[in-house]
Protein backbone atom coordinates (compact mmCIF):
# COMPACT_ATOMS: atom_id res chain seq x y z
CA UNK A 1 5.31 140.01 124.91
CA UNK A 2 8.90 141.05 124.61
CA UNK A 3 11.18 139.39 122.10
CA UNK A 4 13.93 137.26 123.76
CA UNK A 5 17.42 138.71 123.47
CA UNK A 6 19.74 136.88 121.13
CA UNK A 7 21.81 134.10 122.55
CA UNK A 8 25.53 134.43 123.12
CA UNK A 9 27.68 133.96 119.99
CA UNK A 10 28.81 130.49 119.18
CA UNK A 11 32.38 129.96 120.26
CA UNK A 12 35.04 130.00 117.51
CA UNK A 13 36.09 126.55 116.07
CA UNK A 14 38.36 124.87 118.42
CA UNK A 15 40.54 122.38 116.54
CA UNK A 16 42.25 124.66 113.93
CA UNK A 17 43.56 127.12 116.60
CA UNK A 18 46.93 126.56 118.18
CA UNK A 19 47.14 125.71 121.85
CA UNK A 20 47.02 128.90 123.93
CA UNK A 21 50.03 130.05 125.77
CA UNK A 22 50.11 130.23 129.55
CA UNK A 23 49.71 133.49 131.42
CA UNK A 24 52.88 135.58 131.57
CA UNK A 25 53.89 137.96 134.36
CA UNK A 26 52.81 141.48 133.92
CA UNK A 27 49.88 143.80 134.57
CA UNK A 28 46.48 142.12 134.48
CA UNK A 29 44.45 142.90 131.33
CA UNK A 30 40.81 143.58 132.13
CA UNK A 31 38.02 142.01 130.16
CA UNK A 32 37.20 143.73 126.82
CA UNK A 33 34.82 146.57 127.51
CA UNK A 34 33.80 148.11 130.75
CA UNK A 35 32.30 145.51 133.08
CA UNK A 36 29.21 146.61 134.97
CA UNK A 37 26.99 144.39 137.05
CA UNK A 38 24.03 143.12 135.00
CA UNK A 39 20.70 142.14 136.64
CA UNK A 40 19.71 138.52 136.97
CA UNK A 41 16.93 139.09 134.39
CA UNK A 42 19.65 139.55 131.73
CA UNK A 43 20.64 135.90 132.02
CA UNK A 44 17.01 134.74 132.16
CA UNK A 45 16.40 136.53 128.84
CA UNK A 46 19.44 134.82 127.36
CA UNK A 47 17.94 131.40 127.98
CA UNK A 48 19.92 128.28 128.61
CA UNK A 49 23.16 127.94 126.59
CA UNK A 50 23.17 125.52 123.70
CA UNK A 51 24.42 122.10 124.69
CA UNK A 52 27.28 120.40 122.92
CA UNK A 53 26.19 117.40 120.86
CA UNK A 54 28.84 115.32 122.61
CA UNK A 55 28.56 115.87 126.33
CA UNK A 56 32.13 114.82 127.11
CA UNK A 57 33.60 118.34 127.44
CA UNK A 58 35.47 117.92 124.17
CA UNK A 59 36.68 121.54 124.34
CA UNK A 60 38.73 120.57 127.43
CA UNK A 61 40.11 117.34 126.00
CA UNK A 62 39.08 113.75 126.37
CA UNK A 63 40.91 113.29 129.64
CA UNK A 64 38.99 116.05 131.38
CA UNK A 65 36.41 113.99 133.19
CA UNK A 66 38.92 111.39 134.35
CA UNK A 67 41.24 114.13 135.61
CA UNK A 68 38.37 115.72 137.49
CA UNK A 69 37.45 112.40 139.07
CA UNK A 70 41.09 111.82 139.99
CA UNK A 71 41.35 115.15 141.80
CA UNK A 72 38.04 114.50 143.67
CA UNK A 73 39.09 111.03 144.80
CA UNK A 74 42.50 112.15 146.09
CA UNK A 75 41.51 115.46 147.81
CA UNK A 76 37.95 114.98 149.03
CA UNK A 77 38.63 112.33 151.68
CA UNK A 78 38.16 113.00 154.86
CA UNK A 79 20.91 129.10 159.85
CA UNK A 80 19.70 127.33 156.56
CA UNK A 81 18.95 128.93 153.16
CA UNK A 82 17.37 126.66 150.54
CA UNK A 83 18.73 123.62 152.42
CA UNK A 84 22.29 124.99 152.82
CA UNK A 85 23.78 125.74 156.18
CA UNK A 86 25.71 128.93 157.10
CA UNK A 87 27.64 130.20 160.13
CA UNK A 88 25.91 130.97 163.38
CA UNK A 89 24.94 134.64 164.06
CA UNK A 90 26.09 133.98 167.63
CA UNK A 91 29.75 134.12 166.44
CA UNK A 92 29.77 137.25 164.30
CA UNK A 93 27.71 140.39 163.78
CA UNK A 94 28.45 140.37 160.09
CA UNK A 95 27.29 138.32 157.17
CA UNK A 96 29.64 135.88 155.52
CA UNK A 97 28.51 134.80 152.08
CA UNK A 98 29.72 131.15 152.07
CA UNK A 99 27.94 128.04 153.29
CA UNK A 100 29.71 125.86 155.92
CA UNK A 101 28.29 122.45 154.97
CA UNK A 102 30.11 119.42 153.50
CA UNK A 103 29.78 120.51 149.90
CA UNK A 104 31.20 124.00 150.57
CA UNK A 105 34.02 122.51 152.73
CA UNK A 106 35.06 120.27 149.83
CA UNK A 107 35.42 123.35 147.68
CA UNK A 108 37.68 124.97 150.35
CA UNK A 109 39.89 121.92 150.39
CA UNK A 110 40.35 122.06 146.63
CA UNK A 111 41.15 125.78 146.74
CA UNK A 112 43.80 125.05 149.39
CA UNK A 113 45.56 122.53 147.11
CA UNK A 114 45.18 124.87 144.12
CA UNK A 115 46.71 127.87 145.84
CA UNK A 116 49.51 125.69 147.32
CA UNK A 117 50.14 124.49 143.71
CA UNK A 118 50.32 128.11 142.53
CA UNK A 119 53.14 128.64 145.09
CA UNK A 120 54.99 125.54 143.86
CA UNK A 121 54.09 123.64 147.07
CA UNK A 122 55.06 126.49 149.47
CA UNK A 123 52.63 127.38 152.21
CA UNK A 124 53.79 131.03 152.19
CA UNK A 125 56.42 133.35 150.69
CA UNK A 126 57.40 135.31 153.82
CA UNK A 127 61.08 134.56 154.78
CA UNK A 128 60.33 132.85 158.06
CA UNK A 129 63.10 131.58 160.35
CA UNK A 130 63.08 127.92 161.44
CA UNK A 131 62.65 128.76 165.15
CA UNK A 132 59.22 130.49 164.96
CA UNK A 133 57.09 129.83 168.04
CA UNK A 134 53.60 131.13 167.46
CA UNK A 135 51.55 131.33 164.19
CA UNK A 136 47.89 132.23 163.50
CA UNK A 137 45.90 131.50 160.34
CA UNK A 138 42.93 133.90 160.12
CA UNK A 139 39.83 132.52 158.36
CA UNK A 140 41.30 128.99 158.41
CA UNK A 141 38.23 127.37 156.91
CA UNK A 142 38.67 123.61 157.02
CA UNK A 143 42.09 124.13 158.56
CA UNK A 144 44.26 122.40 155.95
CA UNK A 145 46.75 125.25 155.74
CA UNK A 146 47.13 125.26 159.58
CA UNK A 147 47.53 121.47 159.68
CA UNK A 148 50.11 121.49 156.93
CA UNK A 149 52.03 124.30 158.56
CA UNK A 150 51.95 122.54 161.91
CA UNK A 151 53.40 119.42 160.27
CA UNK A 152 56.18 121.45 158.68
CA UNK A 153 56.98 123.32 161.91
CA UNK A 154 56.39 120.68 164.68
CA UNK A 155 57.90 122.94 167.41
CA UNK A 156 55.63 125.84 166.58
CA UNK A 157 52.20 126.53 168.10
CA UNK A 158 49.71 127.03 165.28
CA UNK A 159 46.25 128.58 165.80
CA UNK A 160 43.55 128.62 163.15
CA UNK A 161 40.48 130.82 163.64
CA UNK A 162 37.14 130.71 161.86
CA UNK A 163 33.51 131.63 162.52
CA UNK A 164 32.35 128.03 161.87
CA UNK A 165 33.51 124.84 163.67
CA UNK A 166 34.19 122.90 160.46
CA UNK A 167 37.76 121.81 161.19
CA UNK A 168 38.77 118.18 161.85
CA UNK A 169 39.36 116.96 165.43
CA UNK A 170 42.30 114.81 164.54
CA UNK A 171 45.20 117.33 164.09
CA UNK A 172 48.89 117.59 164.96
CA UNK A 173 49.49 118.17 168.72
CA UNK A 174 50.86 121.63 168.01
CA UNK A 175 47.73 122.81 166.11
CA UNK A 176 44.49 124.04 167.65
CA UNK A 177 41.34 125.85 166.29
CA UNK A 178 39.50 128.76 167.85
CA UNK A 179 36.01 129.90 166.86
CA UNK A 180 36.57 133.59 166.57
CA UNK A 181 35.70 136.62 164.42
CA UNK A 182 38.86 138.54 163.44
CA UNK A 183 36.71 141.61 162.75
CA UNK A 184 36.19 142.02 166.49
CA UNK A 185 38.93 143.14 168.91
CA UNK A 186 41.50 140.41 169.21
CA UNK A 187 41.94 138.69 172.57
CA UNK A 188 45.51 137.62 171.82
CA UNK A 189 48.47 139.26 173.62
CA UNK A 190 50.47 142.07 172.23
CA UNK A 191 53.71 141.10 170.38
CA UNK A 192 52.80 137.43 170.40
CA UNK A 193 52.79 135.98 166.87
CA UNK A 194 55.87 135.33 164.72
CA UNK A 195 53.65 134.96 161.71
CA UNK A 196 50.07 136.04 160.83
CA UNK A 197 48.62 134.35 157.74
CA UNK A 198 45.53 135.42 155.72
CA UNK A 199 44.42 133.91 152.46
CA UNK A 200 41.29 134.16 150.31
CA UNK A 201 39.19 136.15 152.78
CA UNK A 202 37.95 138.88 150.46
CA UNK A 203 34.44 140.11 151.22
CA UNK A 204 34.67 139.16 154.94
CA UNK A 205 35.57 142.55 156.51
CA UNK A 206 34.03 146.03 156.69
CA UNK A 207 37.26 147.59 157.88
CA UNK A 208 40.55 146.15 156.56
CA UNK A 209 42.59 148.95 158.28
CA UNK A 210 41.25 147.98 161.68
CA UNK A 211 42.01 144.28 160.94
CA UNK A 212 45.66 145.12 159.97
CA UNK A 213 46.09 147.32 163.10
CA UNK A 214 45.07 144.43 165.31
CA UNK A 215 47.48 142.19 163.48
CA UNK A 216 50.29 144.75 163.96
CA UNK A 217 49.57 144.92 167.68
CA UNK A 218 49.67 141.11 168.16
CA UNK A 219 52.68 140.55 165.86
CA UNK A 220 56.10 140.21 167.42
CA UNK A 221 58.68 142.84 166.55
CA UNK A 222 60.52 141.36 163.56
CA UNK A 223 57.52 139.05 162.82
CA UNK A 224 55.71 138.76 159.50
CA UNK A 225 52.24 139.00 158.14
CA UNK A 226 51.19 137.58 154.74
CA UNK A 227 47.91 138.23 152.94
CA UNK A 228 47.09 136.50 149.61
CA UNK A 229 43.77 137.40 147.96
CA UNK A 230 41.94 137.99 144.72
CA UNK A 231 39.69 140.92 143.65
CA UNK A 232 37.39 138.80 141.55
CA UNK A 233 38.20 140.51 138.32
CA UNK A 234 38.37 138.04 135.47
CA UNK A 235 41.00 139.09 132.90
CA UNK A 236 42.46 137.82 129.67
CA UNK A 237 45.71 138.85 127.93
CA UNK A 238 44.27 138.30 124.40
CA UNK A 239 40.90 139.93 124.67
CA UNK A 240 38.94 136.64 124.60
CA UNK A 241 37.00 137.69 127.73
CA UNK A 242 34.40 140.28 126.67
CA UNK A 243 32.44 142.08 129.40
CA UNK A 244 29.49 142.67 127.08
CA UNK A 245 28.74 139.03 126.33
CA UNK A 246 30.59 136.76 128.79
CA UNK A 247 29.27 135.55 132.10
CA UNK A 248 32.79 135.19 133.53
CA UNK A 249 33.32 138.93 133.14
CA UNK A 250 30.37 139.56 135.48
CA UNK A 251 31.97 137.77 138.41
CA UNK A 252 33.95 140.69 139.86
CA UNK A 253 31.40 143.50 139.28
CA UNK A 254 28.58 141.46 140.82
CA UNK A 255 30.54 140.58 143.99
CA UNK A 256 31.58 144.19 144.54
CA UNK A 257 28.03 145.42 143.98
CA UNK A 258 26.64 142.93 146.51
CA UNK A 259 29.38 143.84 148.99
CA UNK A 260 28.48 147.48 148.83
CA UNK A 261 24.81 146.67 149.64
CA UNK A 262 25.76 145.01 152.96
CA UNK A 263 28.76 147.13 153.83
CA UNK A 264 31.44 144.43 153.21
CA UNK A 265 34.51 146.00 151.63
CA UNK A 266 35.76 143.88 148.76
CA UNK A 267 39.48 144.24 147.95
CA UNK A 268 39.85 145.62 144.42
CA UNK A 269 42.69 145.72 141.90
CA UNK A 270 44.34 148.71 143.57
CA UNK A 271 46.99 148.72 146.35
CA UNK A 272 44.52 148.24 149.18
CA UNK A 273 46.45 145.40 150.90
CA UNK A 274 49.92 146.91 150.81
CA UNK A 275 48.63 150.43 151.69
CA UNK A 276 46.65 149.00 154.64
CA UNK A 277 49.71 147.13 155.97
CA UNK A 278 51.93 150.22 155.59
CA UNK A 279 49.39 152.45 157.41
CA UNK A 280 49.26 149.88 160.24
CA UNK A 281 53.01 150.22 160.73
CA UNK A 282 54.42 147.23 158.84
CA UNK A 283 57.63 147.70 156.80
CA UNK A 284 59.64 145.70 154.22
CA UNK A 285 56.52 145.23 152.14
CA UNK A 286 56.86 142.68 149.34
CA UNK A 287 54.22 142.29 146.59
CA UNK A 288 53.84 139.65 143.91
CA UNK A 289 50.98 138.82 141.57
CA UNK A 290 50.10 135.27 140.58
CA UNK A 291 48.10 134.65 137.42
CA UNK A 292 45.84 131.67 137.80
CA UNK A 293 43.77 130.25 134.89
CA UNK A 294 40.12 129.58 135.65
CA UNK A 295 40.15 126.41 133.45
CA UNK A 296 42.81 124.20 131.82
CA UNK A 297 43.18 126.21 128.64
CA UNK A 298 46.91 126.72 128.88
CA UNK A 299 49.47 124.58 127.09
CA UNK A 300 51.96 125.06 129.94
CA UNK A 301 51.98 121.91 132.10
CA UNK A 302 51.79 123.63 135.46
CA UNK A 303 49.23 126.25 134.35
CA UNK A 304 47.14 123.55 132.72
CA UNK A 305 47.09 121.58 135.99
CA UNK A 306 46.41 124.73 137.99
CA UNK A 307 43.52 125.65 135.63
CA UNK A 308 42.06 122.20 136.13
CA UNK A 309 42.17 122.52 139.92
CA UNK A 310 40.58 125.96 139.79
CA UNK A 311 37.86 124.76 137.44
CA UNK A 312 37.01 121.91 139.75
CA UNK A 313 37.01 124.28 142.75
CA UNK A 314 34.91 127.00 141.08
CA UNK A 315 32.30 124.59 139.76
CA UNK A 316 32.19 122.47 142.92
CA UNK A 317 29.55 124.63 144.59
CA UNK A 318 28.56 127.61 142.48
CA UNK A 319 24.98 127.47 143.73
CA UNK A 320 26.13 127.65 147.32
CA UNK A 321 28.69 130.39 146.68
CA UNK A 322 26.21 132.62 144.82
CA UNK A 323 23.03 131.87 146.74
CA UNK A 324 23.44 134.42 149.59
CA UNK A 325 25.13 137.41 147.96
CA UNK A 326 23.49 137.18 144.52
CA UNK A 327 20.16 135.78 145.66
CA UNK A 328 19.42 137.13 149.15
CA UNK A 329 21.34 140.38 148.79
CA UNK A 330 21.02 141.26 145.08
CA UNK A 331 17.55 139.76 144.63
CA UNK A 332 18.23 137.26 141.88
CA UNK A 333 15.81 134.36 141.54
CA UNK A 334 16.91 130.77 141.76
CA UNK A 335 16.24 130.44 138.08
CA UNK A 336 18.32 133.50 137.16
CA UNK A 337 21.24 132.18 139.23
CA UNK A 338 20.88 128.70 137.64
CA UNK A 339 20.96 130.08 134.11
CA UNK A 340 23.92 132.33 134.84
CA UNK A 341 25.83 129.35 136.22
CA UNK A 342 25.23 127.35 133.10
CA UNK A 343 26.61 130.21 130.92
CA UNK A 344 29.57 130.60 133.33
CA UNK A 345 30.47 126.88 133.24
CA UNK A 346 30.01 126.66 129.44
CA UNK A 347 32.50 129.51 129.03
CA UNK A 348 35.02 127.86 131.28
CA UNK A 349 34.80 124.68 129.12
CA UNK A 350 35.55 126.66 126.00
CA UNK A 351 39.28 126.66 125.45
CA UNK A 352 39.07 129.55 122.98
CA UNK A 353 38.30 131.79 125.98
CA UNK A 354 41.33 132.36 128.24
CA UNK A 355 40.17 133.72 131.57
CA UNK A 356 42.35 134.12 134.65
CA UNK A 357 42.32 135.54 138.19
CA UNK A 358 45.21 137.56 139.57
CA UNK A 359 45.98 136.58 143.12
CA UNK A 360 48.02 139.22 144.93
CA UNK A 361 50.44 138.05 147.60
CA UNK A 362 51.72 140.72 150.05
CA UNK A 363 53.96 140.08 153.02
CA UNK A 364 55.39 142.61 155.41
CA UNK A 365 57.40 142.77 158.63
CA UNK A 366 56.89 144.46 161.99
CA UNK A 367 59.85 146.73 162.78
CA UNK A 368 62.24 145.33 165.41
CA UNK A 369 62.03 148.55 167.38
CA UNK A 370 58.20 148.68 167.31
């Protein structure tokens, strides 16, 4: 019988250390060491992480649970694998990794609010005129972005597309939802949309260049496209995320490995978005990176709140998020996934670890003479 591997090191004492500073603009710092995808058996060998004596998430502060409950109460109003439902294969020829049931939809709603908070309440960064007429939101999910945009521009026709009919029926009169796969040839007219919006759709396409070319064809001359997404790489500016011991450092490598197995191209930390838009014909390309904490470890008020939202979003449905790609595709057992999740969540609760995602926002314009 093999000897179990040693458990992860005990986190450093929490109280004597000063409050960590918020992420600052600049190049993302990768996790310490070279992150490579580890098999599920690695986490099974680690065993369950040690539980805190006081199960009140003391590392996150005494107000953590009440803050989490407050977010849930204000936001969450409104093919089957292990009891979870996914999109219909009649809509798309590809495989999307996310469930489409109520629990997964609540996670999407929280992410919408978190990403809107990261933009200081803005729905986009592209310099749109007030008289726009036609807008499309690709991969709209539960449709909150499309609904909010329709409320802000009541004279604009807003279309949200998705492969699952999970959007509400009570929407502004200028908003509608189409069940459609944007990886297939678009049925929309040439030069039609003033604005094309994409957000958090990584791992949903096998050919980003083809997607951007269709967007260019359907975008009006002078119109804009904006894509905001994340590679999945978990970074830290102070070296507190170590790829050799931390579960959070495995997030990006595992997603990219699973994507390669089924032919889904995951956006990485390179210039894939801006290069793809440029090759499609777009000009005036503008790029900005947003650092977003994965938990409320920052002492900056906004970053602390943003980290709380992302913690709630990430931990809302980890089983559902990981079940298809890590289980069905990569072959992890339910037990391995469960143990990994416990390590992942424990690390997020530890304020001595300062992980963050870098969301890249790229907008570009179709030339007036196109």
